[in-house]
Full PDB file with SEQRES, HELIX, SHEET, SSBOND, CRYST1, ORIGX, SCALE, CONECT and MASTER records, all heavy atoms in Angstrom:
SEQRES   1 A   33  TRP LEU MET ALA ARG GLU HIS TYR LYS ILE THR TYR ASN          
SEQRES   2 A   33  ASN ARG ALA LYS MET GLY THR LEU ARG PHE SER ASP LEU          
SEQRES   3 A   33  GLU ILE GLN PRO LEU SER ASN                                  
HELIX    1 AA1 LEU A    2  THR A   11  1                                  10    
HELIX    2 AA2 ARG A   15  MET A   18  1                                   4    
CRYST1    1.000    1.000    1.000  90.00  90.00  90.00 P 1           1          
ORIGX1      1.000000  0.000000  0.000000        0.00000                         
ORIGX2      0.000000  1.000000  0.000000        0.00000                         
ORIGX3      0.000000  0.000000  1.000000        0.00000                         
SCALE1      1.000000  0.000000  0.000000        0.00000                         
SCALE2      0.000000  1.000000  0.000000        0.00000                         
SCALE3      0.000000  0.000000  1.000000        0.00000                         
ATOM      1  N   TRP A   1      62.088 134.899  41.699  1.00  0.00           N  
ATOM      2  CA  TRP A   1      63.179 135.637  42.158  1.00  0.00           C  
ATOM      3  C   TRP A   1      63.030 135.947  43.601  1.00  0.00           C  
ATOM      4  O   TRP A   1      63.925 135.747  44.428  1.00  0.00           O  
ATOM      5  CB  TRP A   1      63.471 136.886  41.438  1.00  0.00           C  
ATOM      6  CG  TRP A   1      64.672 137.568  41.715  1.00  0.00           C  
ATOM      7  CD1 TRP A   1      65.838 137.478  41.244  1.00  0.00           C  
ATOM      8  CD2 TRP A   1      64.731 138.625  42.625  1.00  0.00           C  
ATOM      9  NE1 TRP A   1      66.770 138.290  41.904  1.00  0.00           N  
ATOM     10  CE2 TRP A   1      66.157 139.197  42.734  1.00  0.00           C  
ATOM     11  CE3 TRP A   1      63.826 139.375  43.498  1.00  0.00           C  
ATOM     12  CZ2 TRP A   1      66.590 140.103  43.438  1.00  0.00           C  
ATOM     13  CZ3 TRP A   1      64.237 140.272  44.199  1.00  0.00           C  
ATOM     14  CH2 TRP A   1      65.557 140.767  44.288  1.00  0.00           C  
ATOM     15  N   LEU A   2      61.806 136.481  43.929  1.00  0.00           N  
ATOM     16  CA  LEU A   2      61.665 136.775  45.320  1.00  0.00           C  
ATOM     17  C   LEU A   2      61.657 135.582  46.316  1.00  0.00           C  
ATOM     18  O   LEU A   2      62.212 135.744  47.371  1.00  0.00           O  
ATOM     19  CB  LEU A   2      60.161 137.517  45.547  1.00  0.00           C  
ATOM     20  CG  LEU A   2      60.156 138.926  44.983  1.00  0.00           C  
ATOM     21  CD1 LEU A   2      58.625 139.478  44.948  1.00  0.00           C  
ATOM     22  CD2 LEU A   2      61.015 139.788  45.830  1.00  0.00           C  
ATOM     23  N   MET A   3      61.015 134.437  46.031  1.00  0.00           N  
ATOM     24  CA  MET A   3      61.049 133.278  46.810  1.00  0.00           C  
ATOM     25  C   MET A   3      62.561 132.848  46.959  1.00  0.00           C  
ATOM     26  O   MET A   3      62.927 132.400  48.090  1.00  0.00           O  
ATOM     27  CB  MET A   3      60.261 132.128  46.305  1.00  0.00           C  
ATOM     28  CG  MET A   3      58.815 132.516  46.141  1.00  0.00           C  
ATOM     29  SD  MET A   3      57.990 132.769  47.769  1.00  0.00           S  
ATOM     30  CE  MET A   3      58.214 131.193  48.537  1.00  0.00           C  
ATOM     31  N   ALA A   4      63.381 132.839  45.938  1.00  0.00           N  
ATOM     32  CA  ALA A   4      64.706 132.386  46.039  1.00  0.00           C  
ATOM     33  C   ALA A   4      65.528 133.325  47.005  1.00  0.00           C  
ATOM     34  O   ALA A   4      66.365 132.906  47.792  1.00  0.00           O  
ATOM     35  CB  ALA A   4      65.405 132.354  44.669  1.00  0.00           C  
ATOM     36  N   ARG A   5      65.246 134.639  46.844  1.00  0.00           N  
ATOM     37  CA  ARG A   5      65.926 135.600  47.685  1.00  0.00           C  
ATOM     38  C   ARG A   5      65.585 135.471  49.184  1.00  0.00           C  
ATOM     39  O   ARG A   5      66.467 135.431  50.055  1.00  0.00           O  
ATOM     40  CB  ARG A   5      65.506 137.050  47.296  1.00  0.00           C  
ATOM     41  CG  ARG A   5      66.294 138.122  48.144  1.00  0.00           C  
ATOM     42  CD  ARG A   5      66.013 139.486  47.730  1.00  0.00           C  
ATOM     43  NE  ARG A   5      64.685 139.805  48.047  1.00  0.00           N  
ATOM     44  CZ  ARG A   5      64.160 141.021  48.166  1.00  0.00           C  
ATOM     45  NH1 ARG A   5      64.854 142.102  47.758  1.00  0.00           N  
ATOM     46  NH2 ARG A   5      62.899 141.183  48.515  1.00  0.00           N  
ATOM     47  N   GLU A   6      64.267 135.161  49.514  1.00  0.00           N  
ATOM     48  CA  GLU A   6      63.938 134.822  50.828  1.00  0.00           C  
ATOM     49  C   GLU A   6      64.596 133.566  51.359  1.00  0.00           C  
ATOM     50  O   GLU A   6      64.963 133.529  52.559  1.00  0.00           O  
ATOM     51  CB  GLU A   6      62.374 134.660  50.849  1.00  0.00           C  
ATOM     52  CG  GLU A   6      61.704 136.061  50.744  1.00  0.00           C  
ATOM     53  CD  GLU A   6      62.229 137.123  51.515  1.00  0.00           C  
ATOM     54  OE1 GLU A   6      62.371 136.923  52.785  1.00  0.00           O  
ATOM     55  OE2 GLU A   6      62.578 138.232  51.160  1.00  0.00           O  
ATOM     56  N   HIS A   7      64.693 132.500  50.549  1.00  0.00           N  
ATOM     57  CA  HIS A   7      65.411 131.325  50.908  1.00  0.00           C  
ATOM     58  C   HIS A   7      66.911 131.498  51.227  1.00  0.00           C  
ATOM     59  O   HIS A   7      67.384 131.151  52.244  1.00  0.00           O  
ATOM     60  CB  HIS A   7      65.312 130.218  49.775  1.00  0.00           C  
ATOM     61  CG  HIS A   7      66.213 129.099  49.965  1.00  0.00           C  
ATOM     62  ND1 HIS A   7      65.851 128.094  50.904  1.00  0.00           N  
ATOM     63  CD2 HIS A   7      67.407 128.643  49.522  1.00  0.00           C  
ATOM     64  CE1 HIS A   7      66.765 127.179  50.904  1.00  0.00           C  
ATOM     65  NE2 HIS A   7      67.658 127.480  50.015  1.00  0.00           N  
ATOM     66  N   TYR A   8      67.529 132.479  50.388  1.00  0.00           N  
ATOM     67  CA  TYR A   8      68.975 132.747  50.587  1.00  0.00           C  
ATOM     68  C   TYR A   8      69.168 133.527  51.875  1.00  0.00           C  
ATOM     69  O   TYR A   8      70.107 133.354  52.665  1.00  0.00           O  
ATOM     70  CB  TYR A   8      69.566 133.549  49.451  1.00  0.00           C  
ATOM     71  CG  TYR A   8      69.869 132.564  48.343  1.00  0.00           C  
ATOM     72  CD1 TYR A   8      69.534 132.979  47.012  1.00  0.00           C  
ATOM     73  CD2 TYR A   8      70.655 131.541  48.543  1.00  0.00           C  
ATOM     74  CE1 TYR A   8      69.893 132.108  45.897  1.00  0.00           C  
ATOM     75  CE2 TYR A   8      71.036 130.646  47.426  1.00  0.00           C  
ATOM     76  CZ  TYR A   8      70.635 130.961  46.070  1.00  0.00           C  
ATOM     77  OH  TYR A   8      71.075 130.178  45.133  1.00  0.00           O  
ATOM     78  N   LYS A   9      68.182 134.472  52.131  1.00  0.00           N  
ATOM     79  CA  LYS A   9      68.279 135.167  53.374  1.00  0.00           C  
ATOM     80  C   LYS A   9      68.173 134.359  54.676  1.00  0.00           C  
ATOM     81  O   LYS A   9      68.956 134.613  55.600  1.00  0.00           O  
ATOM     82  CB  LYS A   9      67.106 136.225  53.343  1.00  0.00           C  
ATOM     83  CG  LYS A   9      67.279 137.420  52.669  1.00  0.00           C  
ATOM     84  CD  LYS A   9      66.180 138.368  52.803  1.00  0.00           C  
ATOM     85  CE  LYS A   9      66.245 139.652  52.240  1.00  0.00           C  
ATOM     86  NZ  LYS A   9      65.013 140.541  52.337  1.00  0.00           N  
ATOM     87  N   ILE A  10      67.381 133.271  54.592  1.00  0.00           N  
ATOM     88  CA  ILE A  10      67.310 132.347  55.731  1.00  0.00           C  
ATOM     89  C   ILE A  10      68.527 131.474  55.884  1.00  0.00           C  
ATOM     90  O   ILE A  10      69.032 131.364  56.926  1.00  0.00           O  
ATOM     91  CB  ILE A  10      66.005 131.527  55.602  1.00  0.00           C  
ATOM     92  CG1 ILE A  10      64.805 132.412  55.765  1.00  0.00           C  
ATOM     93  CG2 ILE A  10      66.027 130.411  56.719  1.00  0.00           C  
ATOM     94  CD1 ILE A  10      63.567 131.725  55.437  1.00  0.00           C  
ATOM     95  N   THR A  11      68.898 131.003  54.644  1.00  0.00           N  
ATOM     96  CA  THR A  11      70.111 129.965  54.607  1.00  0.00           C  
ATOM     97  C   THR A  11      71.351 130.715  54.951  1.00  0.00           C  
ATOM     98  O   THR A  11      72.294 130.083  55.738  1.00  0.00           O  
ATOM     99  CB  THR A  11      70.209 129.313  53.267  1.00  0.00           C  
ATOM    100  OG1 THR A  11      69.014 128.691  53.065  1.00  0.00           O  
ATOM    101  CG2 THR A  11      71.343 128.408  53.182  1.00  0.00           C  
ATOM    102  N   TYR A  12      71.522 131.963  54.564  1.00  0.00           N  
ATOM    103  CA  TYR A  12      72.894 132.658  54.744  1.00  0.00           C  
ATOM    104  C   TYR A  12      72.570 133.937  55.504  1.00  0.00           C  
ATOM    105  O   TYR A  12      72.727 135.119  55.034  1.00  0.00           O  
ATOM    106  CB  TYR A  12      73.479 132.957  53.374  1.00  0.00           C  
ATOM    107  CG  TYR A  12      73.816 131.737  52.579  1.00  0.00           C  
ATOM    108  CD1 TYR A  12      73.023 131.445  51.415  1.00  0.00           C  
ATOM    109  CD2 TYR A  12      74.849 130.950  53.024  1.00  0.00           C  
ATOM    110  CE1 TYR A  12      73.283 130.294  50.823  1.00  0.00           C  
ATOM    111  CE2 TYR A  12      75.060 129.713  52.242  1.00  0.00           C  
ATOM    112  CZ  TYR A  12      74.304 129.409  51.230  1.00  0.00           C  
ATOM    113  OH  TYR A  12      74.576 128.212  50.312  1.00  0.00           O  
ATOM    114  N   ASN A  13      72.054 133.802  56.741  1.00  0.00           N  
ATOM    115  CA  ASN A  13      71.487 134.931  57.574  1.00  0.00           C  
ATOM    116  C   ASN A  13      72.628 135.631  58.299  1.00  0.00           C  
ATOM    117  O   ASN A  13      72.470 136.635  58.972  1.00  0.00           O  
ATOM    118  CB  ASN A  13      70.488 134.485  58.444  1.00  0.00           C  
ATOM    119  CG  ASN A  13      70.934 133.480  59.464  1.00  0.00           C  
ATOM    120  OD1 ASN A  13      72.120 133.062  59.459  1.00  0.00           O  
ATOM    121  ND2 ASN A  13      69.915 132.955  60.160  1.00  0.00           N  
ATOM    122  N   ASN A  14      73.934 135.249  58.125  1.00  0.00           N  
ATOM    123  CA  ASN A  14      74.997 136.054  58.733  1.00  0.00           C  
ATOM    124  C   ASN A  14      76.288 135.924  57.771  1.00  0.00           C  
ATOM    125  O   ASN A  14      76.462 134.950  56.984  1.00  0.00           O  
ATOM    126  CB  ASN A  14      75.275 135.714  60.230  1.00  0.00           C  
ATOM    127  CG  ASN A  14      75.706 134.363  60.319  1.00  0.00           C  
ATOM    128  OD1 ASN A  14      76.663 133.831  59.584  1.00  0.00           O  
ATOM    129  ND2 ASN A  14      75.064 133.532  61.066  1.00  0.00           N  
ATOM    130  N   ARG A  15      77.266 136.691  58.010  1.00  0.00           N  
ATOM    131  CA  ARG A  15      78.459 136.890  57.185  1.00  0.00           C  
ATOM    132  C   ARG A  15      79.244 135.472  57.379  1.00  0.00           C  
ATOM    133  O   ARG A  15      79.831 135.099  56.370  1.00  0.00           O  
ATOM    134  CB  ARG A  15      79.358 138.000  57.603  1.00  0.00           C  
ATOM    135  CG  ARG A  15      80.607 138.206  56.916  1.00  0.00           C  
ATOM    136  CD  ARG A  15      80.446 138.014  55.341  1.00  0.00           C  
ATOM    137  NE  ARG A  15      80.192 139.248  54.639  1.00  0.00           N  
ATOM    138  CZ  ARG A  15      80.057 139.082  53.355  1.00  0.00           C  
ATOM    139  NH1 ARG A  15      79.962 138.019  52.635  1.00  0.00           N  
ATOM    140  NH2 ARG A  15      80.027 140.345  52.647  1.00  0.00           N  
ATOM    141  N   ALA A  16      79.261 134.843  58.508  1.00  0.00           N  
ATOM    142  CA  ALA A  16      79.989 133.633  58.628  1.00  0.00           C  
ATOM    143  C   ALA A  16      79.519 132.544  57.879  1.00  0.00           C  
ATOM    144  O   ALA A  16      80.139 131.774  57.172  1.00  0.00           O  
ATOM    145  CB  ALA A  16      79.972 133.174  60.188  1.00  0.00           C  
ATOM    146  N   LYS A  17      78.092 132.415  57.605  1.00  0.00           N  
ATOM    147  CA  LYS A  17      77.550 131.323  56.991  1.00  0.00           C  
ATOM    148  C   LYS A  17      77.697 131.601  55.438  1.00  0.00           C  
ATOM    149  O   LYS A  17      77.814 130.800  54.578  1.00  0.00           O  
ATOM    150  CB  LYS A  17      75.925 131.286  57.125  1.00  0.00           C  
ATOM    151  CG  LYS A  17      75.691 130.631  58.495  1.00  0.00           C  
ATOM    152  CD  LYS A  17      74.134 130.492  58.573  1.00  0.00           C  
ATOM    153  CE  LYS A  17      73.759 129.966  60.014  1.00  0.00           C  
ATOM    154  NZ  LYS A  17      72.311 130.035  60.191  1.00  0.00           N  
ATOM    155  N   MET A  18      77.707 132.886  55.122  1.00  0.00           N  
ATOM    156  CA  MET A  18      77.857 133.429  53.682  1.00  0.00           C  
ATOM    157  C   MET A  18      79.263 132.948  53.135  1.00  0.00           C  
ATOM    158  O   MET A  18      79.541 132.505  52.034  1.00  0.00           O  
ATOM    159  CB  MET A  18      77.679 134.803  53.552  1.00  0.00           C  
ATOM    160  CG  MET A  18      76.216 135.271  53.542  1.00  0.00           C  
ATOM    161  SD  MET A  18      76.017 137.076  53.461  1.00  0.00           S  
ATOM    162  CE  MET A  18      76.450 137.340  51.700  1.00  0.00           C  
ATOM    163  N   GLY A  19      80.332 133.152  54.004  1.00  0.00           N  
ATOM    164  CA  GLY A  19      81.675 132.922  53.522  1.00  0.00           C  
ATOM    165  C   GLY A  19      82.066 133.696  52.242  1.00  0.00           C  
ATOM    166  O   GLY A  19      81.470 134.793  51.879  1.00  0.00           O  
ATOM    167  N   THR A  20      82.862 133.179  51.490  1.00  0.00           N  
ATOM    168  CA  THR A  20      83.391 133.788  50.230  1.00  0.00           C  
ATOM    169  C   THR A  20      83.130 132.674  49.074  1.00  0.00           C  
ATOM    170  O   THR A  20      83.682 131.671  49.093  1.00  0.00           O  
ATOM    171  CB  THR A  20      84.961 134.113  50.263  1.00  0.00           C  
ATOM    172  OG1 THR A  20      85.095 135.100  51.330  1.00  0.00           O  
ATOM    173  CG2 THR A  20      85.234 134.720  49.020  1.00  0.00           C  
ATOM    174  N   LEU A  21      82.277 133.091  48.208  1.00  0.00           N  
ATOM    175  CA  LEU A  21      81.840 132.203  47.104  1.00  0.00           C  
ATOM    176  C   LEU A  21      82.720 132.230  46.034  1.00  0.00           C  
ATOM    177  O   LEU A  21      83.132 133.409  45.600  1.00  0.00           O  
ATOM    178  CB  LEU A  21      80.404 132.540  46.648  1.00  0.00           C  
ATOM    179  CG  LEU A  21      79.821 131.794  45.533  1.00  0.00           C  
ATOM    180  CD1 LEU A  21      79.684 130.322  45.913  1.00  0.00           C  
ATOM    181  CD2 LEU A  21      78.556 132.324  45.147  1.00  0.00           C  
ATOM    182  N   ARG A  22      83.285 131.163  45.466  1.00  0.00           N  
ATOM    183  CA  ARG A  22      84.117 131.142  44.364  1.00  0.00           C  
ATOM    184  C   ARG A  22      83.675 130.198  43.393  1.00  0.00           C  
ATOM    185  O   ARG A  22      82.988 129.162  43.608  1.00  0.00           O  
ATOM    186  CB  ARG A  22      85.499 130.628  44.801  1.00  0.00           C  
ATOM    187  CG  ARG A  22      86.194 131.527  45.693  1.00  0.00           C  
ATOM    188  CD  ARG A  22      87.643 131.301  45.811  1.00  0.00           C  
ATOM    189  NE  ARG A  22      88.217 132.352  46.732  1.00  0.00           N  
ATOM    190  CZ  ARG A  22      88.985 132.104  47.800  1.00  0.00           C  
ATOM    191  NH1 ARG A  22      89.287 130.946  48.097  1.00  0.00           N  
ATOM    192  NH2 ARG A  22      89.403 133.237  48.418  1.00  0.00           N  
ATOM    193  N   PHE A  23      83.907 130.502  41.988  1.00  0.00           N  
ATOM    194  CA  PHE A  23      83.472 129.661  40.882  1.00  0.00           C  
ATOM    195  C   PHE A  23      84.658 129.165  40.117  1.00  0.00           C  
ATOM    196  O   PHE A  23      85.748 129.931  40.131  1.00  0.00           O  
ATOM    197  CB  PHE A  23      82.577 130.399  39.878  1.00  0.00           C  
ATOM    198  CG  PHE A  23      81.359 131.016  40.635  1.00  0.00           C  
ATOM    199  CD1 PHE A  23      81.149 132.233  40.865  1.00  0.00           C  
ATOM    200  CD2 PHE A  23      80.256 129.936  40.892  1.00  0.00           C  
ATOM    201  CE1 PHE A  23      80.021 132.727  41.481  1.00  0.00           C  
ATOM    202  CE2 PHE A  23      79.143 130.543  41.515  1.00  0.00           C  
ATOM    203  CZ  PHE A  23      78.996 131.760  41.833  1.00  0.00           C  
ATOM    204  N   SER A  24      84.650 128.044  39.576  1.00  0.00           N  
ATOM    205  CA  SER A  24      85.809 127.556  38.723  1.00  0.00           C  
ATOM    206  C   SER A  24      85.333 126.589  37.679  1.00  0.00           C  
ATOM    207  O   SER A  24      84.076 126.240  37.623  1.00  0.00           O  
ATOM    208  CB  SER A  24      86.768 126.818  39.633  1.00  0.00           C  
ATOM    209  OG  SER A  24      86.364 125.731  40.196  1.00  0.00           O  
ATOM    210  N   ASP A  25      86.125 126.149  36.746  1.00  0.00           N  
ATOM    211  CA  ASP A  25      86.028 125.078  35.783  1.00  0.00           C  
ATOM    212  C   ASP A  25      84.632 125.519  34.886  1.00  0.00           C  
ATOM    213  O   ASP A  25      83.845 124.601  34.596  1.00  0.00           O  
ATOM    214  CB  ASP A  25      85.901 123.822  36.373  1.00  0.00           C  
ATOM    215  CG  ASP A  25      87.042 123.303  37.117  1.00  0.00           C  
ATOM    216  OD1 ASP A  25      88.152 123.847  36.822  1.00  0.00           O  
ATOM    217  OD2 ASP A  25      86.869 122.630  38.072  1.00  0.00           O  
ATOM    218  N   LEU A  26      84.602 126.828  34.589  1.00  0.00           N  
ATOM    219  CA  LEU A  26      83.404 127.262  33.823  1.00  0.00           C  
ATOM    220  C   LEU A  26      83.458 126.670  32.337  1.00  0.00           C  
ATOM    221  O   LEU A  26      84.480 126.815  31.721  1.00  0.00           O  
ATOM    222  CB  LEU A  26      83.353 128.695  33.851  1.00  0.00           C  
ATOM    223  CG  LEU A  26      83.195 129.522  35.172  1.00  0.00           C  
ATOM    224  CD1 LEU A  26      83.192 130.975  35.105  1.00  0.00           C  
ATOM    225  CD2 LEU A  26      81.882 128.931  35.811  1.00  0.00           C  
ATOM    226  N   GLU A  27      82.308 126.242  31.859  1.00  0.00           N  
ATOM    227  CA  GLU A  27      82.123 125.849  30.542  1.00  0.00           C  
ATOM    228  C   GLU A  27      80.871 126.544  29.939  1.00  0.00           C  
ATOM    229  O   GLU A  27      79.899 126.289  30.468  1.00  0.00           O  
ATOM    230  CB  GLU A  27      82.030 124.405  30.359  1.00  0.00           C  
ATOM    231  CG  GLU A  27      83.125 123.488  30.819  1.00  0.00           C  
ATOM    232  CD  GLU A  27      82.926 122.097  30.729  1.00  0.00           C  
ATOM    233  OE1 GLU A  27      82.051 121.592  29.977  1.00  0.00           O  
ATOM    234  OE2 GLU A  27      83.581 121.262  31.490  1.00  0.00           O  
ATOM    235  N   ILE A  28      81.049 127.373  28.941  1.00  0.00           N  
ATOM    236  CA  ILE A  28      79.980 128.138  28.422  1.00  0.00           C  
ATOM    237  C   ILE A  28      79.562 127.668  27.061  1.00  0.00           C  
ATOM    238  O   ILE A  28      80.449 127.532  26.198  1.00  0.00           O  
ATOM    239  CB  ILE A  28      80.309 129.671  28.333  1.00  0.00           C  
ATOM    240  CG1 ILE A  28      80.718 130.104  29.816  1.00  0.00           C  
ATOM    241  CG2 ILE A  28      79.077 130.493  27.789  1.00  0.00           C  
ATOM    242  CD1 ILE A  28      81.249 131.486  29.770  1.00  0.00           C  
ATOM    243  N   GLN A  29      78.300 127.316  26.893  1.00  0.00           N  
ATOM    244  CA  GLN A  29      77.832 126.858  25.556  1.00  0.00           C  
ATOM    245  C   GLN A  29      76.756 127.682  25.116  1.00  0.00           C  
ATOM    246  O   GLN A  29      75.625 127.731  25.759  1.00  0.00           O  
ATOM    247  CB  GLN A  29      77.318 125.458  25.693  1.00  0.00           C  
ATOM    248  CG  GLN A  29      76.855 124.838  24.238  1.00  0.00           C  
ATOM    249  CD  GLN A  29      76.477 123.468  24.576  1.00  0.00           C  
ATOM    250  OE1 GLN A  29      76.573 122.772  25.573  1.00  0.00           O  
ATOM    251  NE2 GLN A  29      75.870 122.910  23.443  1.00  0.00           N  
ATOM    252  N   PRO A  30      76.976 128.458  23.996  1.00  0.00           N  
ATOM    253  CA  PRO A  30      75.867 129.338  23.456  1.00  0.00           C  
ATOM    254  C   PRO A  30      74.800 128.382  22.932  1.00  0.00           C  
ATOM    255  O   PRO A  30      75.078 127.376  22.369  1.00  0.00           O  
ATOM    256  CB  PRO A  30      76.619 130.138  22.463  1.00  0.00           C  
ATOM    257  CG  PRO A  30      78.019 130.072  22.615  1.00  0.00           C  
ATOM    258  CD  PRO A  30      78.282 128.655  23.360  1.00  0.00           C  
ATOM    259  N   LEU A  31      73.541 128.744  23.152  1.00  0.00           N  
ATOM    260  CA  LEU A  31      72.304 128.054  22.652  1.00  0.00           C  
ATOM    261  C   LEU A  31      71.750 128.841  21.435  1.00  0.00           C  
ATOM    262  O   LEU A  31      71.174 128.169  20.617  1.00  0.00           O  
ATOM    263  CB  LEU A  31      71.412 127.887  23.763  1.00  0.00           C  
ATOM    264  CG  LEU A  31      71.869 126.974  24.806  1.00  0.00           C  
ATOM    265  CD1 LEU A  31      70.836 126.908  25.969  1.00  0.00           C  
ATOM    266  CD2 LEU A  31      72.268 125.613  24.364  1.00  0.00           C  
ATOM    267  N   SER A  32      71.996 130.185  21.538  1.00  0.00           N  
ATOM    268  CA  SER A  32      71.454 130.987  20.462  1.00  0.00           C  
ATOM    269  C   SER A  32      72.079 132.434  20.764  1.00  0.00           C  
ATOM    270  O   SER A  32      72.964 132.529  21.572  1.00  0.00           O  
ATOM    271  CB  SER A  32      69.941 131.117  20.543  1.00  0.00           C  
ATOM    272  OG  SER A  32      69.519 131.862  21.652  1.00  0.00           O  
ATOM    273  N   ASN A  33      71.707 133.435  19.923  1.00  0.00           N  
ATOM    274  CA  ASN A  33      72.213 134.772  20.180  1.00  0.00           C  
ATOM    275  C   ASN A  33      71.655 135.350  21.631  1.00  0.00           C  
ATOM    276  O   ASN A  33      72.365 136.252  22.109  1.00  0.00           O  
ATOM    277  CB  ASN A  33      71.891 135.775  19.203  1.00  0.00           C  
ATOM    278  CG  ASN A  33      72.621 135.394  17.805  1.00  0.00           C  
ATOM    279  OD1 ASN A  33      73.721 134.910  17.837  1.00  0.00           O  
ATOM    280  ND2 ASN A  33      72.073 135.787  16.730  1.00  0.00           N  
TER     281      ASN A  33                                                      
MASTER        0    0    0    2    0    0    0    6  280    1    0    3          
END                                                                             
């Protein structure tokens, strides 16, 4: 988790790069409880 957070901080280091993230076409498949 920490390494991924550091990667995101570098990749998206300002609001313009971050933009607005949207998700669509979600398919959820339960594997267990």
